[in-house]
Amino acid sequence: MRMISIGELEELILLVIGALKYSVYAQSIQEELFSHAKRKIDITAIHTVLRRLEIKGLIHSELGGISKVRGGRSKRLVKLTTEGRTLLDQTILIKMEFYKRILNNHS
C-alpha cells in the first residue's frame, strides 16, 4: 500500500483532530494549535487543509446543527478516519526510528 504524503501542517491538524477524540470544527482546531503548539494559524488556512485532508480520505466531515450564535449557519464537524489514524501511526513509527538513530549517533 502506498503511503499518502502530507505536509507538516496537515500532520499537525490531523494530530489535533485525533487528540480531541470527537468531531471538531475549524475554530476548535485553531484554539488547540495555539494552546498546545503556540502556532497561530489563520482560520482560512485551516479550512484549506481540512478540505485537502478530506479529499485524501484522512478525515470525514459533516454539517452540525444550526446555531443562533453563528447567524443560523451550521458548523462543519470533522473526525479522523481509519485511514487518517493509520497514516498517523505509520508516520510516528518512521519518526521514532529516525530519532532512535539520532540518539544512537550522539551517545
PDB file of N, CA and C in Angstrom:
ATOM      1  N   MET A   1       0.838  -1.189   0.000  1.00  0.00           N
ATOM      2  CA  MET A   1       0.000   0.000   0.000  1.00  0.00           C
ATOM      3  C   MET A   1       0.876   1.244   0.000  1.00  0.00           C
ATOM      4  N   ARG A   2       0.588   2.178  -0.887  1.00  0.00           N
ATOM      5  CA  ARG A   2       1.337   3.412  -0.994  1.00  0.00           C
ATOM      6  C   ARG A   2       0.925   4.362   0.122  1.00  0.00           C
ATOM      7  N   MET A   3       1.921   4.922   0.807  1.00  0.00           N
ATOM      8  CA  MET A   3       1.635   5.853   1.889  1.00  0.00           C
ATOM      9  C   MET A   3       1.321   7.233   1.306  1.00  0.00           C
ATOM     10  N   ILE A   4       0.261   7.832   1.772  1.00  0.00           N
ATOM     11  CA  ILE A   4      -0.133   9.168   1.338  1.00  0.00           C
ATOM     12  C   ILE A   4       0.852  10.170   1.929  1.00  0.00           C
ATOM     13  N   SER A   5       1.218  11.144   1.136  1.00  0.00           N
ATOM     14  CA  SER A   5       2.140  12.182   1.589  1.00  0.00           C
ATOM     15  C   SER A   5       1.355  13.365   2.146  1.00  0.00           C
ATOM     16  N   ILE A   6       1.763  13.825   3.328  1.00  0.00           N
ATOM     17  CA  ILE A   6       1.133  15.013   3.906  1.00  0.00           C
ATOM     18  C   ILE A   6       2.223  15.956   4.401  1.00  0.00           C
ATOM     19  N   GLY A   7       1.871  17.229   4.464  1.00  0.00           N
ATOM     20  CA  GLY A   7       2.789  18.246   4.947  1.00  0.00           C
ATOM     21  C   GLY A   7       2.737  18.379   6.462  1.00  0.00           C
ATOM     22  N   GLU A   8       3.621  19.199   6.989  1.00  0.00           N
ATOM     23  CA  GLU A   8       3.744  19.374   8.437  1.00  0.00           C
ATOM     24  C   GLU A   8       2.459  19.933   9.051  1.00  0.00           C
ATOM     25  N   LEU A   9       1.848  20.931   8.415  1.00  0.00           N
ATOM     26  CA  LEU A   9       0.613  21.499   8.957  1.00  0.00           C
ATOM     27  C   LEU A   9      -0.528  20.499   8.875  1.00  0.00           C
ATOM     28  N   GLU A  10      -0.586  19.731   7.788  1.00  0.00           N
ATOM     29  CA  GLU A  10      -1.608  18.694   7.669  1.00  0.00           C
ATOM     30  C   GLU A  10      -1.457  17.671   8.796  1.00  0.00           C
ATOM     31  N   GLU A  11      -0.221  17.270   9.049  1.00  0.00           N
ATOM     32  CA  GLU A  11       0.032  16.302  10.114  1.00  0.00           C
ATOM     33  C   GLU A  11      -0.371  16.864  11.477  1.00  0.00           C
ATOM     34  N   LEU A  12      -0.019  18.107  11.719  1.00  0.00           N
ATOM     35  CA  LEU A  12      -0.347  18.739  12.992  1.00  0.00           C
ATOM     36  C   LEU A  12      -1.862  18.822  13.184  1.00  0.00           C
ATOM     37  N   ILE A  13      -2.580  19.192  12.143  1.00  0.00           N
ATOM     38  CA  ILE A  13      -4.038  19.284  12.233  1.00  0.00           C
ATOM     39  C   ILE A  13      -4.652  17.897  12.417  1.00  0.00           C
ATOM     40  N   LEU A  14      -4.125  16.892  11.731  1.00  0.00           N
ATOM     41  CA  LEU A  14      -4.599  15.518  11.948  1.00  0.00           C
ATOM     42  C   LEU A  14      -4.391  15.087  13.394  1.00  0.00           C
ATOM     43  N   LEU A  15      -3.243  15.430  13.945  1.00  0.00           N
ATOM     44  CA  LEU A  15      -2.962  15.090  15.342  1.00  0.00           C
ATOM     45  C   LEU A  15      -3.962  15.756  16.286  1.00  0.00           C
ATOM     46  N   VAL A  16      -4.274  17.016  16.034  1.00  0.00           N
ATOM     47  CA  VAL A  16      -5.256  17.727  16.874  1.00  0.00           C
ATOM     48  C   VAL A  16      -6.610  17.038  16.777  1.00  0.00           C
ATOM     49  N   ILE A  17      -7.037  16.726  15.558  1.00  0.00           N
ATOM     50  CA  ILE A  17      -8.339  16.072  15.374  1.00  0.00           C
ATOM     51  C   ILE A  17      -8.369  14.737  16.113  1.00  0.00           C
ATOM     52  N   GLY A  18      -7.314  13.962  15.987  1.00  0.00           N
ATOM     53  CA  GLY A  18      -7.244  12.670  16.672  1.00  0.00           C
ATOM     54  C   GLY A  18      -7.195  12.808  18.180  1.00  0.00           C
ATOM     55  N   ALA A  19      -6.472  13.815  18.667  1.00  0.00           N
ATOM     56  CA  ALA A  19      -6.319  14.006  20.106  1.00  0.00           C
ATOM     57  C   ALA A  19      -7.628  14.427  20.768  1.00  0.00           C
ATOM     58  N   LEU A  20      -8.459  15.150  20.044  1.00  0.00           N
ATOM     59  CA  LEU A  20      -9.704  15.639  20.643  1.00  0.00           C
ATOM     60  C   LEU A  20     -10.773  14.565  20.732  1.00  0.00           C
ATOM     61  N   LYS A  21     -10.637  13.469  19.978  1.00  0.00           N
ATOM     62  CA  LYS A  21     -11.456  12.258  20.113  1.00  0.00           C
ATOM     63  C   LYS A  21     -12.938  12.415  19.770  1.00  0.00           C
ATOM     64  N   TYR A  22     -13.365  13.554  19.353  1.00  0.00           N
ATOM     65  CA  TYR A  22     -14.759  13.734  18.956  1.00  0.00           C
ATOM     66  C   TYR A  22     -14.770  14.637  17.732  1.00  0.00           C
ATOM     67  N   SER A  23     -15.906  14.777  17.105  1.00  0.00           N
ATOM     68  CA  SER A  23     -15.989  15.648  15.939  1.00  0.00           C
ATOM     69  C   SER A  23     -15.673  17.075  16.359  1.00  0.00           C
ATOM     70  N   VAL A  24     -14.778  17.695  15.618  1.00  0.00           N
ATOM     71  CA  VAL A  24     -14.344  19.059  15.941  1.00  0.00           C
ATOM     72  C   VAL A  24     -14.570  19.958  14.730  1.00  0.00           C
ATOM     73  N   TYR A  25     -14.461  21.243  14.956  1.00  0.00           N
ATOM     74  CA  TYR A  25     -14.608  22.203  13.866  1.00  0.00           C
ATOM     75  C   TYR A  25     -13.377  23.090  13.826  1.00  0.00           C
ATOM     76  N   ALA A  26     -13.267  23.870  12.769  1.00  0.00           N
ATOM     77  CA  ALA A  26     -12.039  24.630  12.481  1.00  0.00           C
ATOM     78  C   ALA A  26     -11.599  25.523  13.644  1.00  0.00           C
ATOM     79  N   GLN A  27     -12.531  26.200  14.286  1.00  0.00           N
ATOM     80  CA  GLN A  27     -12.147  27.107  15.365  1.00  0.00           C
ATOM     81  C   GLN A  27     -11.551  26.350  16.553  1.00  0.00           C
ATOM     82  N   SER A  28     -12.093  25.194  16.882  1.00  0.00           N
ATOM     83  CA  SER A  28     -11.530  24.419  17.996  1.00  0.00           C
ATOM     84  C   SER A  28     -10.130  23.913  17.633  1.00  0.00           C
ATOM     85  N   ILE A  29      -9.917  23.581  16.362  1.00  0.00           N
ATOM     86  CA  ILE A  29      -8.581  23.181  15.907  1.00  0.00           C
ATOM     87  C   ILE A  29      -7.626  24.361  16.047  1.00  0.00           C
ATOM     88  N   GLN A  30      -8.068  25.531  15.628  1.00  0.00           N
ATOM     89  CA  GLN A  30      -7.252  26.746  15.726  1.00  0.00           C
ATOM     90  C   GLN A  30      -6.864  27.020  17.186  1.00  0.00           C
ATOM     91  N   GLU A  31      -7.811  26.886  18.100  1.00  0.00           N
ATOM     92  CA  GLU A  31      -7.546  27.128  19.520  1.00  0.00           C
ATOM     93  C   GLU A  31      -6.553  26.118  20.084  1.00  0.00           C
ATOM     94  N   GLU A  32      -6.699  24.847  19.713  1.00  0.00           N
ATOM     95  CA  GLU A  32      -5.777  23.809  20.177  1.00  0.00           C
ATOM     96  C   GLU A  32      -4.360  24.035  19.650  1.00  0.00           C
ATOM     97  N   LEU A  33      -4.260  24.414  18.375  1.00  0.00           N
ATOM     98  CA  LEU A  33      -2.940  24.683  17.795  1.00  0.00           C
ATOM     99  C   LEU A  33      -2.235  25.817  18.537  1.00  0.00           C
ATOM    100  N   PHE A  34      -2.984  26.840  18.894  1.00  0.00           N
ATOM    101  CA  PHE A  34      -2.378  27.960  19.617  1.00  0.00           C
ATOM    102  C   PHE A  34      -2.062  27.564  21.056  1.00  0.00           C
ATOM    103  N   SER A  35      -2.992  26.875  21.697  1.00  0.00           N
ATOM    104  CA  SER A  35      -2.835  26.496  23.099  1.00  0.00           C
ATOM    105  C   SER A  35      -1.671  25.532  23.322  1.00  0.00           C
ATOM    106  N   HIS A  36      -1.547  24.522  22.471  1.00  0.00           N
ATOM    107  CA  HIS A  36      -0.557  23.474  22.713  1.00  0.00           C
ATOM    108  C   HIS A  36       0.706  23.582  21.874  1.00  0.00           C
ATOM    109  N   ALA A  37       0.592  24.138  20.674  1.00  0.00           N
ATOM    110  CA  ALA A  37       1.761  24.213  19.792  1.00  0.00           C
ATOM    111  C   ALA A  37       2.260  25.645  19.626  1.00  0.00           C
ATOM    112  N   LYS A  38       1.548  26.593  20.243  1.00  0.00           N
ATOM    113  CA  LYS A  38       1.903  28.019  20.131  1.00  0.00           C
ATOM    114  C   LYS A  38       1.970  28.451  18.672  1.00  0.00           C
ATOM    115  N   ARG A  39       1.081  27.887  17.850  1.00  0.00           N
ATOM    116  CA  ARG A  39       1.006  28.221  16.429  1.00  0.00           C
ATOM    117  C   ARG A  39      -0.289  28.977  16.178  1.00  0.00           C
ATOM    118  N   LYS A  40      -0.177  30.193  15.690  1.00  0.00           N
ATOM    119  CA  LYS A  40      -1.360  30.979  15.340  1.00  0.00           C
ATOM    120  C   LYS A  40      -1.591  30.813  13.841  1.00  0.00           C
ATOM    121  N   ILE A  41      -2.576  29.997  13.497  1.00  0.00           N
ATOM    122  CA  ILE A  41      -2.880  29.666  12.114  1.00  0.00           C
ATOM    123  C   ILE A  41      -4.204  30.323  11.729  1.00  0.00           C
ATOM    124  N   ASP A  42      -4.201  31.001  10.600  1.00  0.00           N
ATOM    125  CA  ASP A  42      -5.396  31.653  10.092  1.00  0.00           C
ATOM    126  C   ASP A  42      -6.493  30.607   9.846  1.00  0.00           C
ATOM    127  N   ILE A  43      -7.718  30.951  10.181  1.00  0.00           N
ATOM    128  CA  ILE A  43      -8.833  30.010  10.055  1.00  0.00           C
ATOM    129  C   ILE A  43      -9.036  29.575   8.602  1.00  0.00           C
ATOM    130  N   THR A  44      -8.757  30.474   7.663  1.00  0.00           N
ATOM    131  CA  THR A  44      -8.873  30.121   6.246  1.00  0.00           C
ATOM    132  C   THR A  44      -7.867  29.045   5.874  1.00  0.00           C
ATOM    133  N   ALA A  45      -6.666  29.124   6.404  1.00  0.00           N
ATOM    134  CA  ALA A  45      -5.646  28.103   6.150  1.00  0.00           C
ATOM    135  C   ALA A  45      -6.093  26.760   6.723  1.00  0.00           C
ATOM    136  N   ILE A  46      -6.711  26.779   7.884  1.00  0.00           N
ATOM    137  CA  ILE A  46      -7.203  25.537   8.493  1.00  0.00           C
ATOM    138  C   ILE A  46      -8.281  24.919   7.614  1.00  0.00           C
ATOM    139  N   HIS A  47      -9.215  25.740   7.127  1.00  0.00           N
ATOM    140  CA  HIS A  47     -10.262  25.222   6.235  1.00  0.00           C
ATOM    141  C   HIS A  47      -9.663  24.618   4.967  1.00  0.00           C
ATOM    142  N   THR A  48      -8.639  25.246   4.425  1.00  0.00           N
ATOM    143  CA  THR A  48      -7.981  24.731   3.226  1.00  0.00           C
ATOM    144  C   THR A  48      -7.355  23.370   3.499  1.00  0.00           C
ATOM    145  N   VAL A  49      -6.665  23.253   4.619  1.00  0.00           N
ATOM    146  CA  VAL A  49      -6.044  21.979   4.992  1.00  0.00           C
ATOM    147  C   VAL A  49      -7.115  20.915   5.228  1.00  0.00           C
ATOM    148  N   LEU A  50      -8.199  21.276   5.875  1.00  0.00           N
ATOM    149  CA  LEU A  50      -9.269  20.308   6.123  1.00  0.00           C
ATOM    150  C   LEU A  50      -9.847  19.772   4.814  1.00  0.00           C
ATOM    151  N   ARG A  51     -10.021  20.644   3.830  1.00  0.00           N
ATOM    152  CA  ARG A  51     -10.514  20.180   2.529  1.00  0.00           C
ATOM    153  C   ARG A  51      -9.536  19.189   1.896  1.00  0.00           C
ATOM    154  N   ARG A  52      -8.231  19.514   1.965  1.00  0.00           N
ATOM    155  CA  ARG A  52      -7.221  18.602   1.397  1.00  0.00           C
ATOM    156  C   ARG A  52      -7.234  17.258   2.114  1.00  0.00           C
ATOM    157  N   LEU A  53      -7.337  17.285   3.435  1.00  0.00           N
ATOM    158  CA  LEU A  53      -7.337  16.044   4.210  1.00  0.00           C
ATOM    159  C   LEU A  53      -8.562  15.194   3.894  1.00  0.00           C
ATOM    160  N   GLU A  54      -9.683  15.846   3.665  1.00  0.00           N
ATOM    161  CA  GLU A  54     -10.896  15.091   3.334  1.00  0.00           C
ATOM    162  C   GLU A  54     -10.779  14.483   1.933  1.00  0.00           C
ATOM    163  N   ILE A  55     -10.228  15.227   0.994  1.00  0.00           N
ATOM    164  CA  ILE A  55     -10.021  14.698  -0.357  1.00  0.00           C
ATOM    165  C   ILE A  55      -9.104  13.475  -0.309  1.00  0.00           C
ATOM    166  N   LYS A  56      -8.108  13.507   0.573  1.00  0.00           N
ATOM    167  CA  LYS A  56      -7.173  12.386   0.708  1.00  0.00           C
ATOM    168  C   LYS A  56      -7.782  11.225   1.498  1.00  0.00           C
ATOM    169  N   GLY A  57      -8.979  11.416   2.064  1.00  0.00           N
ATOM    170  CA  GLY A  57      -9.655  10.355   2.802  1.00  0.00           C
ATOM    171  C   GLY A  57      -9.171  10.189   4.237  1.00  0.00           C
ATOM    172  N   LEU A  58      -8.475  11.198   4.764  1.00  0.00           N
ATOM    173  CA  LEU A  58      -7.896  11.096   6.107  1.00  0.00           C
ATOM    174  C   LEU A  58      -8.831  11.611   7.194  1.00  0.00           C
ATOM    175  N   ILE A  59      -9.808  12.411   6.801  1.00  0.00           N
ATOM    176  CA  ILE A  59     -10.845  12.876   7.721  1.00  0.00           C
ATOM    177  C   ILE A  59     -12.190  12.761   7.015  1.00  0.00           C
ATOM    178  N   HIS A  60     -13.229  12.826   7.814  1.00  0.00           N
ATOM    179  CA  HIS A  60     -14.602  12.838   7.300  1.00  0.00           C
ATOM    180  C   HIS A  60     -15.274  14.058   7.916  1.00  0.00           C
ATOM    181  N   SER A  61     -16.092  14.748   7.134  1.00  0.00           N
ATOM    182  CA  SER A  61     -16.790  15.911   7.676  1.00  0.00           C
ATOM    183  C   SER A  61     -18.291  15.788   7.453  1.00  0.00           C
ATOM    184  N   GLU A  62     -19.013  16.480   8.305  1.00  0.00           N
ATOM    185  CA  GLU A  62     -20.465  16.582   8.162  1.00  0.00           C
ATOM    186  C   GLU A  62     -20.909  17.878   8.804  1.00  0.00           C
ATOM    187  N   LEU A  63     -22.053  18.372   8.375  1.00  0.00           N
ATOM    188  CA  LEU A  63     -22.566  19.612   8.941  1.00  0.00           C
ATOM    189  C   LEU A  63     -23.228  19.332  10.276  1.00  0.00           C
ATOM    190  N   GLY A  64     -22.922  20.181  11.256  1.00  0.00           N
ATOM    191  CA  GLY A  64     -23.550  20.090  12.572  1.00  0.00           C
ATOM    192  C   GLY A  64     -24.846  20.874  12.574  1.00  0.00           C
ATOM    193  N   GLY A  65     -25.407  21.037  13.743  1.00  0.00           N
ATOM    194  CA  GLY A  65     -26.663  21.765  13.877  1.00  0.00           C
ATOM    195  C   GLY A  65     -26.518  23.256  13.633  1.00  0.00           C
ATOM    196  N   ILE A  66     -27.637  23.893  13.327  1.00  0.00           N
ATOM    197  CA  ILE A  66     -27.673  25.343  13.099  1.00  0.00           C
ATOM    198  C   ILE A  66     -27.603  26.047  14.441  1.00  0.00           C
ATOM    199  N   SER A  67     -26.864  27.157  14.471  1.00  0.00           N
ATOM    200  CA  SER A  67     -26.662  27.885  15.717  1.00  0.00           C
ATOM    201  C   SER A  67     -27.049  29.351  15.550  1.00  0.00           C
ATOM    202  N   LYS A  68     -27.806  29.875  16.518  1.00  0.00           N
ATOM    203  CA  LYS A  68     -28.153  31.295  16.501  1.00  0.00           C
ATOM    204  C   LYS A  68     -26.899  32.152  16.648  1.00  0.00           C
ATOM    205  N   VAL A  69     -25.945  31.670  17.431  1.00  0.00           N
ATOM    206  CA  VAL A  69     -24.690  32.399  17.653  1.00  0.00           C
ATOM    207  C   VAL A  69     -23.959  32.591  16.328  1.00  0.00           C
ATOM    208  N   ARG A  70     -24.088  31.641  15.435  1.00  0.00           N
ATOM    209  CA  ARG A  70     -23.413  31.703  14.134  1.00  0.00           C
ATOM    210  C   ARG A  70     -24.319  32.279  13.054  1.00  0.00           C
ATOM    211  N   GLY A  71     -25.378  32.987  13.455  1.00  0.00           N
ATOM    212  CA  GLY A  71     -26.257  33.619  12.480  1.00  0.00           C
ATOM    213  C   GLY A  71     -27.066  32.630  11.663  1.00  0.00           C
ATOM    214  N   GLY A  72     -27.412  31.501  12.271  1.00  0.00           N
ATOM    215  CA  GLY A  72     -28.208  30.496  11.584  1.00  0.00           C
ATOM    216  C   GLY A  72     -27.397  29.548  10.718  1.00  0.00           C
ATOM    217  N   ARG A  73     -26.086  29.679  10.769  1.00  0.00           N
ATOM    218  CA  ARG A  73     -25.228  28.776   9.981  1.00  0.00           C
ATOM    219  C   ARG A  73     -24.831  27.583  10.835  1.00  0.00           C
ATOM    220  N   SER A  74     -24.532  26.486  10.155  1.00  0.00           N
ATOM    221  CA  SER A  74     -24.076  25.301  10.877  1.00  0.00           C
ATOM    222  C   SER A  74     -22.564  25.170  10.771  1.00  0.00           C
ATOM    223  N   LYS A  75     -21.989  24.442  11.713  1.00  0.00           N
ATOM    224  CA  LYS A  75     -20.548  24.189  11.723  1.00  0.00           C
ATOM    225  C   LYS A  75     -20.261  22.930  10.916  1.00  0.00           C
ATOM    226  N   ARG A  76     -19.112  22.907  10.249  1.00  0.00           N
ATOM    227  CA  ARG A  76     -18.648  21.682   9.580  1.00  0.00           C
ATOM    228  C   ARG A  76     -17.772  20.950  10.583  1.00  0.00           C
ATOM    229  N   LEU A  77     -18.248  19.792  11.037  1.00  0.00           N
ATOM    230  CA  LEU A  77     -17.534  18.986  12.023  1.00  0.00           C
ATOM    231  C   LEU A  77     -16.699  17.931  11.317  1.00  0.00           C
ATOM    232  N   VAL A  78     -15.487  17.721  11.809  1.00  0.00           N
ATOM    233  CA  VAL A  78     -14.584  16.752  11.191  1.00  0.00           C
ATOM    234  C   VAL A  78     -14.133  15.724  12.221  1.00  0.00           C
ATOM    235  N   LYS A  79     -13.831  14.532  11.716  1.00  0.00           N
ATOM    236  CA  LYS A  79     -13.269  13.494  12.574  1.00  0.00           C
ATOM    237  C   LYS A  79     -12.282  12.674  11.757  1.00  0.00           C
ATOM    238  N   LEU A  80     -11.378  12.050  12.456  1.00  0.00           N
ATOM    239  CA  LEU A  80     -10.339  11.226  11.853  1.00  0.00           C
ATOM    240  C   LEU A  80     -10.951   9.947  11.292  1.00  0.00           C
ATOM    241  N   THR A  81     -10.544   9.557  10.098  1.00  0.00           N
ATOM    242  CA  THR A  81     -10.970   8.277   9.534  1.00  0.00           C
ATOM    243  C   THR A  81      -9.963   7.205   9.945  1.00  0.00           C
ATOM    244  N   THR A  82     -10.309   5.971   9.677  1.00  0.00           N
ATOM    245  CA  THR A  82      -9.386   4.861   9.933  1.00  0.00           C
ATOM    246  C   THR A  82      -8.094   5.069   9.152  1.00  0.00           C
ATOM    247  N   GLU A  83      -8.229   5.539   7.915  1.00  0.00           N
ATOM    248  CA  GLU A  83      -7.049   5.799   7.084  1.00  0.00           C
ATOM    249  C   GLU A  83      -6.186   6.901   7.688  1.00  0.00           C
ATOM    250  N   GLY A  84      -6.828   7.933   8.240  1.00  0.00           N
ATOM    251  CA  GLY A  84      -6.092   9.022   8.882  1.00  0.00           C
ATOM    252  C   GLY A  84      -5.330   8.539  10.104  1.00  0.00           C
ATOM    253  N   ARG A  85      -5.967   7.695  10.891  1.00  0.00           N
ATOM    254  CA  ARG A  85      -5.306   7.132  12.080  1.00  0.00           C
ATOM    255  C   ARG A  85      -4.131   6.240  11.672  1.00  0.00           C
ATOM    256  N   THR A  86      -4.338   5.431  10.649  1.00  0.00           N
ATOM    257  CA  THR A  86      -3.266   4.554  10.163  1.00  0.00           C
ATOM    258  C   THR A  86      -2.076   5.374   9.688  1.00  0.00           C
ATOM    259  N   LEU A  87      -2.342   6.450   8.963  1.00  0.00           N
ATOM    260  CA  LEU A  87      -1.257   7.307   8.486  1.00  0.00           C
ATOM    261  C   LEU A  87      -0.484   7.917   9.653  1.00  0.00           C
ATOM    262  N   LEU A  88      -1.198   8.396  10.664  1.00  0.00           N
ATOM    263  CA  LEU A  88      -0.519   8.955  11.842  1.00  0.00           C
ATOM    264  C   LEU A  88       0.326   7.894  12.537  1.00  0.00           C
ATOM    265  N   ASP A  89      -0.201   6.689  12.658  1.00  0.00           N
ATOM    266  CA  ASP A  89       0.555   5.594  13.280  1.00  0.00           C
ATOM    267  C   ASP A  89       1.835   5.309  12.499  1.00  0.00           C
ATOM    268  N   GLN A  90       1.726   5.221  11.182  1.00  0.00           N
ATOM    269  CA  GLN A  90       2.897   4.952  10.348  1.00  0.00           C
ATOM    270  C   GLN A  90       3.916   6.089  10.446  1.00  0.00           C
ATOM    271  N   THR A  91       3.422   7.314  10.444  1.00  0.00           N
ATOM    272  CA  THR A  91       4.303   8.487  10.496  1.00  0.00           C
ATOM    273  C   THR A  91       5.091   8.529  11.793  1.00  0.00           C
ATOM    274  N   ILE A  92       4.437   8.263  12.912  1.00  0.00           N
ATOM    275  CA  ILE A  92       5.144   8.326  14.198  1.00  0.00           C
ATOM    276  C   ILE A  92       6.180   7.217  14.299  1.00  0.00           C
ATOM    277  N   LEU A  93       5.878   6.042  13.749  1.00  0.00           N
ATOM    278  CA  LEU A  93       6.855   4.946  13.776  1.00  0.00           C
ATOM    279  C   LEU A  93       8.104   5.304  12.970  1.00  0.00           C
ATOM    280  N   ILE A  94       7.917   5.913  11.817  1.00  0.00           N
ATOM    281  CA  ILE A  94       9.054   6.346  10.992  1.00  0.00           C
ATOM    282  C   ILE A  94       9.878   7.393  11.739  1.00  0.00           C
ATOM    283  N   LYS A  95       9.201   8.372  12.326  1.00  0.00           N
ATOM    284  CA  LYS A  95       9.917   9.426  13.065  1.00  0.00           C
ATOM    285  C   LYS A  95      10.660   8.854  14.266  1.00  0.00           C
ATOM    286  N   MET A  96      10.037   7.920  14.971  1.00  0.00           N
ATOM    287  CA  MET A  96      10.696   7.316  16.132  1.00  0.00           C
ATOM    288  C   MET A  96      11.949   6.550  15.714  1.00  0.00           C
ATOM    289  N   GLU A  97      11.880   5.866  14.576  1.00  0.00           N
ATOM    290  CA  GLU A  97      13.037   5.119  14.086  1.00  0.00           C
ATOM    291  C   GLU A  97      14.203   6.055  13.781  1.00  0.00           C
ATOM    292  N   PHE A  98      13.922   7.173  13.135  1.00  0.00           N
ATOM    293  CA  PHE A  98      14.979   8.153  12.869  1.00  0.00           C
ATOM    294  C   PHE A  98      15.514   8.768  14.161  1.00  0.00           C
ATOM    295  N   TYR A  99      14.600   9.045  15.104  1.00  0.00           N
ATOM    296  CA  TYR A  99      15.042   9.644  16.359  1.00  0.00           C
ATOM    297  C   TYR A  99      15.945   8.686  17.141  1.00  0.00           C
ATOM    298  N   LYS A 100      15.618   7.409  17.112  1.00  0.00           N
ATOM    299  CA  LYS A 100      16.481   6.405  17.763  1.00  0.00           C
ATOM    300  C   LYS A 100      17.881   6.441  17.159  1.00  0.00           C
ATOM    301  N   ARG A 101      17.951   6.590  15.850  1.00  0.00           N
ATOM    302  CA  ARG A 101      19.252   6.670  15.192  1.00  0.00           C
ATOM    303  C   ARG A 101      20.015   7.905  15.623  1.00  0.00           C
ATOM    304  N   ILE A 102      19.304   9.011  15.805  1.00  0.00           N
ATOM    305  CA  ILE A 102      19.953  10.239  16.291  1.00  0.00           C
ATOM    306  C   ILE A 102      20.527  10.000  17.681  1.00  0.00           C
ATOM    307  N   LEU A 103      19.732   9.371  18.550  1.00  0.00           N
ATOM    308  CA  LEU A 103      20.186   9.096  19.912  1.00  0.00           C
ATOM    309  C   LEU A 103      21.408   8.189  19.916  1.00  0.00           C
ATOM    310  N   ASN A 104      21.382   7.169  19.067  1.00  0.00           N
ATOM    311  CA  ASN A 104      22.495   6.234  18.992  1.00  0.00           C
ATOM    312  C   ASN A 104      23.770   6.891  18.453  1.00  0.00           C
ATOM    313  N   ASN A 105      23.622   7.846  17.553  1.00  0.00           N
ATOM    314  CA  ASN A 105      24.766   8.536  16.969  1.00  0.00           C
ATOM    315  C   ASN A 105      25.391   9.549  17.922  1.00  0.00           C
ATOM    316  N   HIS A 106      24.636   9.983  18.926  1.00  0.00           N
ATOM    317  CA  HIS A 106      25.116  11.028  19.821  1.00  0.00           C
ATOM    318  C   HIS A 106      25.366  10.541  21.254  1.00  0.00           C
ATOM    319  N   SER A 107      25.414   9.249  21.430  1.00  0.00           N
ATOM    320  CA  SER A 107      25.637   8.752  22.802  1.00  0.00           C
ATOM    321  C   SER A 107      27.034   8.232  23.000  1.00  0.00           C
TER     322      SER A 107
END
